[in-house]
Amino acid sequence: MVSQNDDPFPRVDTTETPQIDSLSSSSELEPERDQELKPRSRAKAKQSRKAAQRLQSNSSPSSCSLRPAKDILNRIRHDAFFNDADYLIGYLDRHAGVMEIAVQSWGAAEVEEEEFIPQHRILYFKRVSDGRIVWDRQQRKDEIFGSGRQ
């Protein structure tokens, strides 16, 4: 005959919840949990520092990127505040050097391949009434949108 103590499969009462020593289990888990969380929290901290640096650098006008010539051209042409007859475009001609053309005549008519001037050759926009350059690629100056260095 087999006694209850020798039973390889003792009966367990499922109605009672087992008593777990909460202090011992939490102290055993804390170092593991801390070790698991530290790299994640460091990574998140690094991400938030980078995001803050980006926001700080984007908020200062000196470090903002310069708006492209296409945006300046479209604003002068389509914004009622600007009179497109009052502006010139300074561009780099492959053969003649720096040339100027009125904004109104830039791309107005169909041009042949030899006369086509790509927008990446635009160097500056000048207001004719006072002779002031309002956008300059080399100096990173933009008085139309306020981008670039001021």
Protein backbone atom coordinates (compact mmCIF):
# COMPACT_ATOMS: atom_id res chain seq x y z
CA MET A 1 0.00 0.00 0.00
CA VAL A 2 1.21 3.51 -0.87
CA SER A 3 1.01 6.28 1.67
CA GLN A 4 -0.01 9.82 0.76
CA ASN A 5 3.50 11.13 1.31
CA ASP A 6 4.92 8.69 -1.21
CA ASP A 7 2.38 9.56 -3.88
CA PRO A 8 4.22 10.80 -7.00
CA PHE A 9 1.16 12.85 -8.00
CA PRO A 10 -0.16 14.57 -4.91
CA ARG A 11 -3.58 16.11 -4.98
CA VAL A 12 -3.64 19.88 -5.17
CA ASP A 13 -6.57 21.86 -3.96
CA THR A 14 -7.38 24.35 -6.77
CA THR A 15 -9.81 26.37 -4.73
CA GLU A 16 -7.07 27.92 -2.64
CA THR A 17 -4.67 30.41 -4.14
CA PRO A 18 -1.06 29.71 -3.40
CA GLN A 19 0.71 32.12 -1.08
CA ILE A 20 3.57 33.89 -2.81
CA ASP A 21 6.03 35.90 -0.84
CA SER A 22 5.61 39.26 -2.58
CA LEU A 23 8.79 40.78 -1.17
CA SER A 24 11.04 37.99 -2.29
CA SER A 25 9.57 37.75 -5.79
CA SER A 26 9.64 41.49 -6.40
CA SER A 27 13.20 41.82 -5.17
CA GLU A 28 14.23 38.97 -7.40
CA LEU A 29 12.53 40.48 -10.45
CA GLU A 30 13.53 44.11 -9.97
CA PRO A 31 17.16 43.79 -11.11
CA GLU A 32 16.08 41.88 -14.21
CA ARG A 33 13.31 44.35 -14.95
CA ASP A 34 15.65 47.31 -14.44
CA GLN A 35 18.22 45.77 -16.75
CA GLU A 36 15.58 45.21 -19.41
CA LEU A 37 14.18 48.73 -19.13
CA LYS A 38 17.43 50.67 -19.03
CA PRO A 39 18.39 50.21 -22.70
CA ARG A 40 14.88 51.08 -23.80
CA SER A 41 14.74 54.17 -21.65
CA ARG A 42 18.19 55.25 -22.82
CA ALA A 43 17.14 54.80 -26.43
CA LYS A 44 13.96 56.79 -25.87
CA ALA A 45 15.90 59.49 -24.07
CA LYS A 46 18.32 59.70 -26.98
CA GLN A 47 15.45 59.93 -29.45
CA SER A 48 13.79 62.71 -27.48
CA ARG A 49 17.09 64.63 -27.24
CA LYS A 50 17.55 64.35 -31.00
CA ALA A 51 13.98 65.50 -31.62
CA ALA A 52 14.50 68.49 -29.32
CA GLN A 53 17.70 69.40 -31.15
CA ARG A 54 15.91 69.19 -34.51
CA LEU A 55 13.11 71.42 -33.27
CA GLN A 56 15.57 73.89 -31.83
CA SER A 57 17.66 74.00 -35.00
CA ASN A 58 14.59 74.32 -37.25
CA SER A 59 13.17 77.16 -35.19
CA SER A 60 16.18 79.41 -35.66
CA PRO A 61 16.05 81.18 -39.02
CA SER A 62 19.81 81.07 -39.53
CA SER A 63 19.85 77.31 -39.88
CA CYS A 64 16.65 76.91 -41.94
CA SER A 65 17.05 75.62 -45.43
CA LEU A 66 16.70 78.06 -48.29
CA ARG A 67 13.46 77.84 -50.26
CA PRO A 68 14.08 76.77 -53.86
CA ALA A 69 13.94 79.20 -56.76
CA LYS A 70 10.79 77.50 -58.03
CA ASP A 71 8.91 78.54 -54.87
CA ILE A 72 10.14 82.12 -55.16
CA LEU A 73 9.16 82.28 -58.82
CA ASN A 74 5.68 80.90 -58.12
CA ARG A 75 5.12 83.30 -55.23
CA ILE A 76 6.17 86.35 -57.25
CA ARG A 77 3.96 85.26 -60.15
CA HIS A 78 0.84 84.25 -58.22
CA ASP A 79 0.78 86.32 -55.02
CA ALA A 80 -1.15 89.57 -55.41
CA PHE A 81 1.24 91.30 -52.98
CA PHE A 82 4.08 91.05 -55.52
CA ASN A 83 4.09 92.74 -58.92
CA ASP A 84 5.89 90.32 -61.23
CA ALA A 85 6.79 93.18 -63.61
CA ASP A 86 8.97 94.62 -60.83
CA TYR A 87 11.29 91.59 -60.56
CA LEU A 88 14.25 90.26 -62.52
CA ILE A 89 15.81 86.80 -62.44
CA GLY A 90 19.58 86.55 -62.44
CA TYR A 91 20.71 83.25 -63.92
CA LEU A 92 23.93 81.63 -65.03
CA ASP A 93 24.19 81.22 -68.78
CA ARG A 94 26.59 78.48 -69.84
CA HIS A 95 28.28 80.68 -72.42
CA ALA A 96 27.63 84.31 -71.47
CA GLY A 97 27.94 84.15 -67.67
CA VAL A 98 25.41 85.86 -65.39
CA MET A 99 22.39 87.21 -67.27
CA GLU A 100 19.13 88.86 -66.18
CA ILE A 101 15.62 88.33 -67.51
CA ALA A 102 12.21 89.64 -66.41
CA VAL A 103 10.06 87.29 -64.34
CA GLN A 104 7.20 87.83 -66.81
CA SER A 105 9.24 86.50 -69.72
CA TRP A 106 10.72 83.51 -67.82
CA GLY A 107 9.21 80.44 -69.50
CA ALA A 108 6.31 82.48 -70.89
CA ALA A 109 6.61 81.33 -74.48
CA GLU A 110 7.72 78.05 -75.90
CA VAL A 111 11.46 78.02 -76.08
CA GLU A 112 13.71 75.87 -78.11
CA GLU A 113 16.14 73.49 -76.49
CA GLU A 114 19.05 75.88 -76.91
CA GLU A 115 17.18 78.76 -75.24
CA PHE A 116 15.78 76.73 -72.33
CA ILE A 117 17.14 77.81 -68.94
CA PRO A 118 16.74 75.27 -66.11
CA GLN A 119 15.66 76.57 -62.72
CA HIS A 120 18.77 75.27 -60.98
CA ARG A 121 20.75 77.95 -62.86
CA ILE A 122 18.83 80.76 -61.14
CA LEU A 123 21.25 82.69 -58.92
CA TYR A 124 19.10 85.55 -57.58
CA PHE A 125 15.85 87.53 -57.81
CA LYS A 126 16.13 91.32 -57.92
CA ARG A 127 13.45 93.95 -57.33
CA VAL A 128 13.78 96.55 -60.12
CA SER A 129 12.18 99.46 -58.25
CA ASP A 130 14.96 99.71 -55.66
CA GLY A 131 17.61 97.40 -57.12
CA ARG A 132 17.52 95.18 -54.03
CA ILE A 133 18.30 91.46 -54.33
CA VAL A 134 15.48 89.70 -52.47
CA TRP A 135 16.65 86.10 -52.97
CA ASP A 136 20.25 84.98 -53.44
CA ARG A 137 21.36 81.37 -53.63
CA GLN A 138 25.04 81.95 -52.78
CA GLN A 139 24.39 84.24 -49.80
CA ARG A 140 21.39 82.08 -48.74
CA LYS A 141 19.24 85.19 -48.52
CA ASP A 142 15.45 85.07 -48.82
CA GLU A 143 13.26 88.13 -48.20
CA ILE A 144 10.24 86.60 -49.95
CA PHE A 145 9.56 83.72 -47.54
CA GLY A 146 12.13 84.49 -44.84
CA SER A 147 14.01 81.22 -45.20
CA GLY A 148 17.79 80.83 -45.24
CA ARG A 149 20.07 83.24 -43.42
CA GLN A 150 18.72 86.69 -42.68
